[in-house]
C-alpha atoms as a PDB file:
ATOM      1  CA  MET A   1      57.096 -35.423 -49.253  1.00  0.00           C
ATOM      2  CA  GLN A   2      57.657 -31.758 -48.244  1.00  0.00           C
ATOM      3  CA  SER A   3      60.698 -30.020 -49.651  1.00  0.00           C
ATOM      4  CA  PRO A   4      63.358 -28.571 -47.263  1.00  0.00           C
ATOM      5  CA  VAL A   5      62.230 -25.032 -48.223  1.00  0.00           C
ATOM      6  CA  ILE A   6      58.614 -25.661 -47.222  1.00  0.00           C
ATOM      7  CA  ARG A   7      59.665 -27.284 -43.924  1.00  0.00           C
ATOM      8  CA  LEU A   8      61.885 -24.300 -43.139  1.00  0.00           C
ATOM      9  CA  ALA A   9      59.020 -21.828 -43.859  1.00  0.00           C
ATOM     10  CA  LEU A  10      56.628 -23.705 -41.569  1.00  0.00           C
ATOM     11  CA  ALA A  11      59.194 -23.777 -38.777  1.00  0.00           C
ATOM     12  CA  VAL A  12      59.742 -20.007 -39.009  1.00  0.00           C
ATOM     13  CA  LEU A  13      55.967 -19.361 -38.945  1.00  0.00           C
ATOM     14  CA  ALA A  14      55.502 -21.535 -35.864  1.00  0.00           C
ATOM     15  CA  ALA A  15      58.326 -19.762 -34.037  1.00  0.00           C
ATOM     16  CA  THR A  16      56.806 -16.383 -34.878  1.00  0.00           C
ATOM     17  CA  ILE A  17      53.439 -17.398 -33.379  1.00  0.00           C
ATOM     18  CA  LEU A  18      55.073 -18.703 -30.201  1.00  0.00           C
ATOM     19  CA  VAL A  19      57.109 -15.585 -29.489  1.00  0.00           C
ATOM     20  CA  SER A  20      54.510 -12.962 -30.577  1.00  0.00           C
ATOM     21  CA  PRO A  21      53.186 -11.056 -27.504  1.00  0.00           C
ATOM     22  CA  ALA A  22      49.493 -11.374 -26.737  1.00  0.00           C
ATOM     23  CA  ALA A  23      47.378  -8.341 -27.628  1.00  0.00           C
ATOM     24  CA  PRO A  24      46.735  -6.287 -24.484  1.00  0.00           C
ATOM     25  CA  LYS A  25      43.156  -6.239 -23.130  1.00  0.00           C
ATOM     26  CA  ALA A  26      41.391  -2.937 -23.614  1.00  0.00           C
ATOM     27  CA  SER A  27      41.112  -1.178 -20.292  1.00  0.00           C
ATOM     28  CA  PRO A  28      37.871   0.617 -19.434  1.00  0.00           C
ATOM     29  CA  GLN A  29      37.887   4.341 -19.937  1.00  0.00           C
ATOM     30  CA  ALA A  30      38.554   6.390 -16.873  1.00  0.00           C
ATOM     31  CA  GLY A  31      35.430   7.326 -14.933  1.00  0.00           C
ATOM     32  CA  THR A  32      33.277   4.484 -16.292  1.00  0.00           C
ATOM     33  CA  ARG A  33      31.781   1.611 -14.265  1.00  0.00           C
ATOM     34  CA  GLU A  34      31.967  -1.937 -15.515  1.00  0.00           C
ATOM     35  CA  GLN A  35      28.675  -3.315 -16.845  1.00  0.00           C
ATOM     36  CA  GLN A  36      26.619  -4.871 -14.048  1.00  0.00           C
ATOM     37  CA  PRO A  37      24.608  -8.039 -14.665  1.00  0.00           C
ATOM     38  CA  PRO A  38      20.876  -7.405 -15.133  1.00  0.00           C
ATOM     39  CA  ARG A  39      19.012  -7.080 -11.834  1.00  0.00           C
ATOM     40  CA  GLY A  40      15.849  -9.093 -11.353  1.00  0.00           C
ATOM     41  CA  ASP A  41      12.900  -8.471  -9.089  1.00  0.00           C
ATOM     42  CA  TYR A  42      13.241  -9.566  -5.471  1.00  0.00           C
ATOM     43  CA  ASP A  43      10.695  -9.772  -2.679  1.00  0.00           C
ATOM     44  CA  ILE A  44      11.659 -11.116   0.758  1.00  0.00           C
ATOM     45  CA  ARG A  45       8.080 -12.371   1.172  1.00  0.00           C
ATOM     46  CA  GLU A  46       8.002 -14.469  -1.982  1.00  0.00           C
ATOM     47  CA  HIS A  47       9.129 -17.781  -0.515  1.00  0.00           C
ATOM     48  CA  ARG A  48       7.686 -17.309   2.962  1.00  0.00           C
ATOM     49  CA  PRO A  49       4.450 -18.998   4.041  1.00  0.00           C
ATOM     50  CA  ALA A  50       1.263 -17.049   3.457  1.00  0.00           C
ATOM     51  CA  VAL A  51      -0.167 -15.327   6.522  1.00  0.00           C
ATOM     52  CA  ALA A  52      -3.237 -17.051   7.963  1.00  0.00           C
ATOM     53  CA  PRO A  53      -6.529 -15.366   6.983  1.00  0.00           C
ATOM     54  CA  ARG A  54      -7.777 -12.903   9.570  1.00  0.00           C
ATOM     55  CA  GLN A  55     -11.239 -13.190  11.066  1.00  0.00           C
ATOM     56  CA  ALA A  56     -13.687 -11.189   8.955  1.00  0.00           C
ATOM     57  CA  ASP A  57     -17.372 -10.444   9.444  1.00  0.00           C
ATOM     58  CA  GLU A  58     -19.870 -11.801   6.959  1.00  0.00           C
ATOM     59  CA  THR A  59     -21.278  -9.352   4.465  1.00  0.00           C
ATOM     60  CA  PRO A  60     -24.755  -8.020   5.326  1.00  0.00           C
ATOM     61  CA  GLY A  61     -27.522 -10.279   4.067  1.00  0.00           C
ATOM     62  CA  ALA A  62     -25.397 -13.427   3.976  1.00  0.00           C
ATOM     63  CA  GLY A  63     -27.649 -15.833   5.897  1.00  0.00           C
ATOM     64  CA  SER A  64     -27.239 -19.452   6.857  1.00  0.00           C
ATOM     65  CA  ASN A  65     -28.854 -20.599   3.599  1.00  0.00           C
ATOM     66  CA  THR A  66     -26.409 -18.603   1.517  1.00  0.00           C
ATOM     67  CA  ARG A  67     -23.468 -20.565   0.193  1.00  0.00           C
ATOM     68  CA  ARG A  68     -20.387 -18.545   1.016  1.00  0.00           C
ATOM     69  CA  ARG A  69     -17.249 -18.697  -1.050  1.00  0.00           C
ATOM     70  CA  ALA A  70     -13.975 -18.463   0.817  1.00  0.00           C
ATOM     71  CA  PRO A  71     -12.847 -14.861   0.536  1.00  0.00           C
ATOM     72  CA  ARG A  72      -9.766 -14.027  -1.464  1.00  0.00           C
ATOM     73  CA  VAL A  73      -7.106 -12.820   0.933  1.00  0.00           C
ATOM     74  CA  ASN A  74      -3.795 -10.989   0.777  1.00  0.00           C
ATOM     75  CA  ARG A  75      -1.005 -13.507   1.466  1.00  0.00           C
ATOM     76  CA  GLU A  76       1.249 -10.861   3.113  1.00  0.00           C
ATOM     77  CA  SER A  77      -1.331  -9.732   5.703  1.00  0.00           C
ATOM     78  CA  GLY A  78      -4.205 -12.237   5.770  1.00  0.00           C
ATOM     79  CA  THR A  79      -6.766  -9.491   5.118  1.00  0.00           C
ATOM     80  CA  VAL A  80      -9.630  -9.780   2.625  1.00  0.00           C
ATOM     81  CA  ARG A  81      -8.638  -8.734  -0.878  1.00  0.00           C
ATOM     82  CA  VAL A  82     -12.001  -8.593  -2.690  1.00  0.00           C
ATOM     83  CA  LEU A  83     -15.587  -7.959  -1.564  1.00  0.00           C
ATOM     84  CA  ASP A  84     -18.218  -8.391  -4.273  1.00  0.00           C
ATOM     85  CA  ARG A  85     -21.618  -6.819  -3.651  1.00  0.00           C
ATOM     86  CA  PRO A  86     -21.013  -6.438   0.081  1.00  0.00           C
ATOM     87  CA  GLY A  87     -24.439  -4.919   0.790  1.00  0.00           C
ATOM     88  CA  LEU A  88     -23.124  -1.401   1.426  1.00  0.00           C
ATOM     89  CA  ARG A  89     -24.448   1.825   0.011  1.00  0.00           C
ATOM     90  CA  ALA A  90     -23.407   5.456  -0.010  1.00  0.00           C
ATOM     91  CA  SER A  91     -25.518   8.344  -1.173  1.00  0.00           C
ATOM     92  CA  ALA A  92     -25.305   9.137  -4.868  1.00  0.00           C
ATOM     93  CA  GLY A  93     -22.393  11.497  -5.394  1.00  0.00           C
ATOM     94  CA  ALA A  94     -21.115  10.947  -1.843  1.00  0.00           C
ATOM     95  CA  SER A  95     -17.927  12.783  -0.899  1.00  0.00           C
ATOM     96  CA  PRO A  96     -14.675  10.836  -0.555  1.00  0.00           C
ATOM     97  CA  ALA A  97     -14.774  11.608   3.184  1.00  0.00           C
ATOM     98  CA  SER A  98     -18.201   9.980   3.460  1.00  0.00           C
ATOM     99  CA  ILE A  99     -16.991   6.904   1.569  1.00  0.00           C
ATOM    100  CA  ARG A 100     -13.909   6.727   3.786  1.00  0.00           C
ATOM    101  CA  GLY A 101     -16.222   6.740   6.814  1.00  0.00           C
ATOM    102  CA  LEU A 102     -18.295   3.944   5.279  1.00  0.00           C
ATOM    103  CA  LEU A 103     -15.144   1.874   4.879  1.00  0.00           C
ATOM    104  CA  ALA A 104     -13.993   2.500   8.439  1.00  0.00           C
ATOM    105  CA  SER A 105     -17.417   1.561   9.829  1.00  0.00           C
ATOM    106  CA  ASN A 106     -17.278  -1.749   7.978  1.00  0.00           C
ATOM    107  CA  ALA A 107     -13.565  -2.488   8.356  1.00  0.00           C
ATOM    108  CA  ARG A 108     -14.233  -5.931   9.851  1.00  0.00           C
ATOM    109  CA  LEU A 109     -15.660  -7.087   6.517  1.00  0.00           C
ATOM    110  CA  LEU A 110     -12.049  -6.839   5.306  1.00  0.00           C
ATOM    111  CA  GLY A 111     -10.557  -8.502   8.383  1.00  0.00           C
ATOM    112  CA  LEU A 112      -9.443  -5.091   9.634  1.00  0.00           C
ATOM    113  CA  GLU A 113     -10.288  -2.744  12.495  1.00  0.00           C
ATOM    114  CA  ARG A 114     -11.452   0.861  12.304  1.00  0.00           C
ATOM    115  CA  ARG A 115      -8.018   2.063  13.460  1.00  0.00           C
ATOM    116  CA  ASP A 116      -6.418   0.371  10.434  1.00  0.00           C
ATOM    117  CA  LEU A 117      -8.383   2.658   8.129  1.00  0.00           C
ATOM    118  CA  ALA A 118      -8.344   5.789  10.292  1.00  0.00           C
ATOM    119  CA  SER A 119      -5.974   7.762   8.072  1.00  0.00           C
ATOM    120  CA  LEU A 120      -6.762   6.782   4.505  1.00  0.00           C
ATOM    121  CA  VAL A 121      -5.654   9.409   1.987  1.00  0.00           C
ATOM    122  CA  LEU A 122      -7.584   9.984  -1.232  1.00  0.00           C
ATOM    123  CA  ALA A 123      -5.443   9.017  -4.237  1.00  0.00           C
ATOM    124  CA  ARG A 124      -7.957   9.150  -7.100  1.00  0.00           C
ATOM    125  CA  ASP A 125     -11.664   9.608  -7.715  1.00  0.00           C
ATOM    126  CA  TYR A 126     -13.026   9.079 -11.224  1.00  0.00           C
ATOM    127  CA  VAL A 127     -15.946   7.652 -13.214  1.00  0.00           C
ATOM    128  CA  SER A 128     -15.434   5.097 -15.974  1.00  0.00           C
ATOM    129  CA  SER A 129     -16.915   6.447 -19.186  1.00  0.00           C
ATOM    130  CA  SER A 130     -17.754   2.953 -20.476  1.00  0.00           C
ATOM    131  CA  THR A 131     -19.578   1.621 -17.401  1.00  0.00           C
ATOM    132  CA  ALA A 132     -20.517   4.756 -15.414  1.00  0.00           C
ATOM    133  CA  VAL A 133     -18.992   3.045 -12.367  1.00  0.00           C
ATOM    134  CA  ARG A 134     -17.269   5.387  -9.947  1.00  0.00           C
ATOM    135  CA  HIS A 135     -13.888   4.336  -8.569  1.00  0.00           C
ATOM    136  CA  VAL A 136     -12.625   5.931  -5.358  1.00  0.00           C
ATOM    137  CA  VAL A 137      -9.036   4.989  -4.528  1.00  0.00           C
ATOM    138  CA  PHE A 138      -7.472   5.501  -1.092  1.00  0.00           C
ATOM    139  CA  GLN A 139      -3.834   5.079  -0.017  1.00  0.00           C
ATOM    140  CA  GLN A 140      -3.251   3.511   3.399  1.00  0.00           C
ATOM    141  CA  VAL A 141      -1.115   5.772   5.601  1.00  0.00           C
ATOM    142  CA  VAL A 142       0.064   4.885   9.119  1.00  0.00           C
ATOM    143  CA  ASP A 143       1.757   7.365  11.458  1.00  0.00           C
ATOM    144  CA  GLY A 144       2.007   9.732   8.485  1.00  0.00           C
ATOM    145  CA  ILE A 145       3.964   7.135   6.475  1.00  0.00           C
ATOM    146  CA  PRO A 146       2.437   5.416   3.428  1.00  0.00           C
ATOM    147  CA  VAL A 147       2.136   1.637   3.268  1.00  0.00           C
ATOM    148  CA  PHE A 148       3.946   0.596   0.104  1.00  0.00           C
ATOM    149  CA  ASP A 149       1.593  -0.483  -2.703  1.00  0.00           C
ATOM    150  CA  SER A 150      -1.356  -0.517  -0.294  1.00  0.00           C
ATOM    151  CA  THR A 151      -4.637   0.869  -1.582  1.00  0.00           C
ATOM    152  CA  ILE A 152      -8.352   0.361  -1.034  1.00  0.00           C
ATOM    153  CA  THR A 153     -10.631   1.004  -4.002  1.00  0.00           C
ATOM    154  CA  VAL A 154     -14.394   1.336  -3.679  1.00  0.00           C
ATOM    155  CA  HIS A 155     -16.347   0.766  -6.904  1.00  0.00           C
ATOM    156  CA  LEU A 156     -19.814   2.342  -6.809  1.00  0.00           C
ATOM    157  CA  ASP A 157     -22.821   2.162  -9.112  1.00  0.00           C
ATOM    158  CA  SER A 158     -24.395   5.456 -10.128  1.00  0.00           C
ATOM    159  CA  ASP A 159     -26.945   5.234  -7.285  1.00  0.00           C
ATOM    160  CA  GLY A 160     -24.194   4.851  -4.666  1.00  0.00           C
ATOM    161  CA  THR A 161     -24.457   1.055  -4.240  1.00  0.00           C
ATOM    162  CA  VAL A 162     -21.041  -0.456  -3.557  1.00  0.00           C
ATOM    163  CA  ALA A 163     -20.439  -2.992  -6.341  1.00  0.00           C
ATOM    164  CA  ARG A 164     -17.000  -4.102  -5.187  1.00  0.00           C
ATOM    165  CA  VAL A 165     -14.214  -3.290  -2.748  1.00  0.00           C
ATOM    166  CA  THR A 166     -10.623  -4.258  -3.584  1.00  0.00           C
ATOM    167  CA  SER A 167      -8.030  -3.927  -0.874  1.00  0.00           C
ATOM    168  CA  ASN A 168      -4.489  -4.816   0.084  1.00  0.00           C
ATOM    169  CA  ALA A 169      -4.571  -2.806   3.296  1.00  0.00           C
ATOM    170  CA  ALA A 170      -2.733  -4.273   6.272  1.00  0.00           C
ATOM    171  CA  PRO A 171      -3.414  -4.268  10.026  1.00  0.00           C
ATOM    172  CA  VAL A 172      -1.400  -1.689  11.917  1.00  0.00           C
ATOM    173  CA  ASP A 173      -1.347  -3.104  15.453  1.00  0.00           C
ATOM    174  CA  THR A 174       1.864  -5.125  14.887  1.00  0.00           C
ATOM    175  CA  ARG A 175       4.210  -2.566  13.387  1.00  0.00           C
ATOM    176  CA  ALA A 176       7.830  -1.653  13.965  1.00  0.00           C
ATOM    177  CA  SER A 177       8.935   1.632  15.475  1.00  0.00           C
ATOM    178  CA  ALA A 178       8.244   4.585  13.179  1.00  0.00           C
ATOM    179  CA  THR A 179      11.630   6.049  14.131  1.00  0.00           C
ATOM    180  CA  PRO A 180      14.241   4.699  11.693  1.00  0.00           C
ATOM    181  CA  GLY A 181      17.569   3.369  12.887  1.00  0.00           C
ATOM    182  CA  LEU A 182      19.211   4.270   9.578  1.00  0.00           C
ATOM    183  CA  THR A 183      19.426   7.764   8.143  1.00  0.00           C
ATOM    184  CA  ALA A 184      18.024   8.558   4.702  1.00  0.00           C
ATOM    185  CA  ASP A 185      21.556   8.774   3.278  1.00  0.00           C
ATOM    186  CA  GLN A 186      22.363   5.342   4.714  1.00  0.00           C
ATOM    187  CA  GLY A 187      19.203   3.981   3.096  1.00  0.00           C
ATOM    188  CA  ARG A 188      20.250   5.445  -0.249  1.00  0.00           C
ATOM    189  CA  ALA A 189      23.735   4.004   0.102  1.00  0.00           C
ATOM    190  CA  GLU A 190      22.341   0.524   0.827  1.00  0.00           C
ATOM    191  CA  ALA A 191      20.024   0.728  -2.195  1.00  0.00           C
ATOM    192  CA  ALA A 192      22.942   1.809  -4.393  1.00  0.00           C
ATOM    193  CA  LEU A 193      25.059  -1.056  -3.025  1.00  0.00           C
ATOM    194  CA  ASP A 194      22.344  -3.546  -3.949  1.00  0.00           C
ATOM    195  CA  ALA A 195      22.194  -2.088  -7.474  1.00  0.00           C
ATOM    196  CA  GLY A 196      25.966  -1.963  -7.869  1.00  0.00           C
ATOM    197  CA  ALA A 197      25.638   1.734  -8.637  1.00  0.00           C
ATOM    198  CA  ASP A 198      27.074   5.009  -7.447  1.00  0.00           C
ATOM    199  CA  PRO A 199      25.040   6.423  -4.522  1.00  0.00           C
ATOM    200  CA  ALA A 200      24.791   9.653  -6.499  1.00  0.00           C
ATOM    201  CA  ALA A 201      22.503   7.815  -8.946  1.00  0.00           C
ATOM    202  CA  ALA A 202      19.991   6.959  -6.214  1.00  0.00           C
ATOM    203  CA  GLY A 203      16.784   8.941  -5.971  1.00  0.00           C
ATOM    204  CA  PRO A 204      15.603  10.579  -2.736  1.00  0.00           C
ATOM    205  CA  ALA A 205      14.842   8.239   0.166  1.00  0.00           C
ATOM    206  CA  SER A 206      11.402   8.329   1.768  1.00  0.00           C
ATOM    207  CA  LEU A 207       9.946   6.198   4.537  1.00  0.00           C
ATOM    208  CA  ALA A 208       7.389   3.510   3.773  1.00  0.00           C
ATOM    209  CA  TRP A 209       5.818   0.549   5.512  1.00  0.00           C
ATOM    210  CA  LEU A 210       5.929  -2.932   3.996  1.00  0.00           C
ATOM    211  CA  PRO A 211       3.722  -5.805   5.233  1.00  0.00           C
ATOM    212  CA  VAL A 212       5.966  -8.809   6.020  1.00  0.00           C
ATOM    213  CA  ASP A 213       4.737 -11.901   7.880  1.00  0.00           C
ATOM    214  CA  GLY A 214       1.608 -10.080   8.990  1.00  0.00           C
ATOM    215  CA  ALA A 215       3.434  -7.076  10.478  1.00  0.00           C
ATOM    216  CA  LEU A 216       4.499  -3.715   9.088  1.00  0.00           C
ATOM    217  CA  ARG A 217       8.245  -3.185   8.691  1.00  0.00           C
ATOM    218  CA  LEU A 218       9.635   0.306   8.294  1.00  0.00           C
ATOM    219  CA  ALA A 219      11.750   0.823   5.185  1.00  0.00           C
ATOM    220  CA  TRP A 220      13.582   3.451   3.185  1.00  0.00           C
ATOM    221  CA  HIS A 221      12.028   3.583  -0.274  1.00  0.00           C
ATOM    222  CA  VAL A 222      14.559   4.533  -2.970  1.00  0.00           C
ATOM    223  CA  VAL A 223      14.069   4.597  -6.740  1.00  0.00           C
ATOM    224  CA  MET A 224      17.161   3.211  -8.483  1.00  0.00           C
ATOM    225  CA  PRO A 225      17.858   3.406 -12.231  1.00  0.00           C
ATOM    226  CA  GLY A 226      18.928   0.203 -13.965  1.00  0.00           C
ATOM    227  CA  ALA A 227      21.796  -0.327 -16.367  1.00  0.00           C
ATOM    228  CA  ASP A 228      19.638   0.977 -19.234  1.00  0.00           C
ATOM    229  CA  GLU A 229      16.229   2.524 -19.891  1.00  0.00           C
ATOM    230  CA  SER A 230      14.526  -0.869 -19.550  1.00  0.00           C
ATOM    231  CA  ALA A 231      14.825  -0.815 -15.754  1.00  0.00           C
ATOM    232  CA  LEU A 232      13.763   1.532 -12.967  1.00  0.00           C
ATOM    233  CA  PHE A 233      13.576  -0.143  -9.567  1.00  0.00           C
ATOM    234  CA  ASP A 234      11.564   0.544  -6.431  1.00  0.00           C
ATOM    235  CA  THR A 235      13.994  -0.555  -3.719  1.00  0.00           C
ATOM    236  CA  LEU A 236      12.976  -0.968  -0.073  1.00  0.00           C
ATOM    237  CA  ILE A 237      15.698  -1.202   2.580  1.00  0.00           C
ATOM    238  CA  ASP A 238      14.717  -2.075   6.162  1.00  0.00           C
ATOM    239  CA  ALA A 239      15.119   1.189   8.075  1.00  0.00           C
ATOM    240  CA  HIS A 240      16.314  -0.627  11.204  1.00  0.00           C
ATOM    241  CA  THR A 241      18.433  -3.544   9.932  1.00  0.00           C
ATOM    242  CA  ALA A 242      19.505  -2.411   6.417  1.00  0.00           C
ATOM    243  CA  GLU A 243      18.134  -5.680   5.008  1.00  0.00           C
ATOM    244  CA  LEU A 244      16.913  -5.653   1.416  1.00  0.00           C
ATOM    245  CA  LEU A 245      13.154  -6.156   1.544  1.00  0.00           C
ATOM    246  CA  LEU A 246      12.071  -5.541  -2.025  1.00  0.00           C
ATOM    247  CA  ARG A 247      13.427  -4.684  -5.460  1.00  0.00           C
ATOM    248  CA  ARG A 248      10.783  -4.267  -8.170  1.00  0.00           C
ATOM    249  CA  ASN A 249      11.209  -3.037 -11.714  1.00  0.00           C
ATOM    250  CA  ARG A 250       8.605  -0.453 -12.666  1.00  0.00           C
ATOM    251  CA  VAL A 251       9.189  -1.222 -16.350  1.00  0.00           C
ATOM    252  CA  ARG A 252       7.273  -4.228 -17.607  1.00  0.00           C
ATOM    253  CA  GLU A 253       8.127  -5.978 -20.858  1.00  0.00           C
ATOM    254  CA  ALA A 254       5.884  -8.029 -23.103  1.00  0.00           C
ATOM    255  CA  GLU A 255       6.256  -9.776 -26.423  1.00  0.00           C
ATOM    256  CA  GLY A 256       3.529 -10.136 -29.019  1.00  0.00           C
ATOM    257  CA  HIS A 257       2.808 -11.061 -32.593  1.00  0.00           C
ATOM    258  CA  GLY A 258       0.539  -9.395 -35.074  1.00  0.00           C
ATOM    259  CA  ARG A 259      -0.061  -8.451 -38.665  1.00  0.00           C
ATOM    260  CA  VAL A 260       0.555  -5.142 -40.305  1.00  0.00           C
ATOM    261  CA  LEU A 261      -1.966  -4.339 -43.024  1.00  0.00           C
ATOM    262  CA  GLN A 262      -0.921  -1.886 -45.651  1.00  0.00           C
ATOM    263  CA  GLY A 263      -3.691  -0.342 -47.681  1.00  0.00           C
END
């Protein structure tokens, strides 16, 4: 049985707890923004049906007795993504302009037309030291505006034979107006709103095309920093409707395991 003194002490302690004011919550420092939840990648095309494959010519030399594999196609545009040994050849050491002409002349092998490849811009031209294969990379540009993430790469053997063509070029006949309805500042503001950031943090806005449902949509391309150094986003805002089309983190993370040997 508890003594009267102990019961009195417990009663005083309980009353002290009940009447003690709660500790005030720390308020954020002036001029700071509350931490935003991590932003993930987003692509408006991700859950939409793939575009039907476009009609493409057979590669030269593919006769009726040749078993043809179904070509790999780009789901956003329906164009051919990979051509292996297409039967094309450039002269050894051909200029990028000559290779660009070879591509345009054979555009239908990719499910494209000559006009789709009329304004390719050279992005890179180099030879792999390990294989001696030359890689000529072109950026697709339409009406002076680049198509986002759209390149065609021609891989050539040392004698000029085309070993492979990889492409995610899109047809240009079904494209939106190249005159934006939103200003560049409005595009930056929309990108900042999506990121939950101050518009002052947004990078410059530049126009880009994005293939969506088989057509090119005009967008403002803005680079937005993330909450920390682990994120830097390419953000595409529709230049006519202000709809978010794409948010993609340039920073890729990977986990691995290994051994460290100390000698």
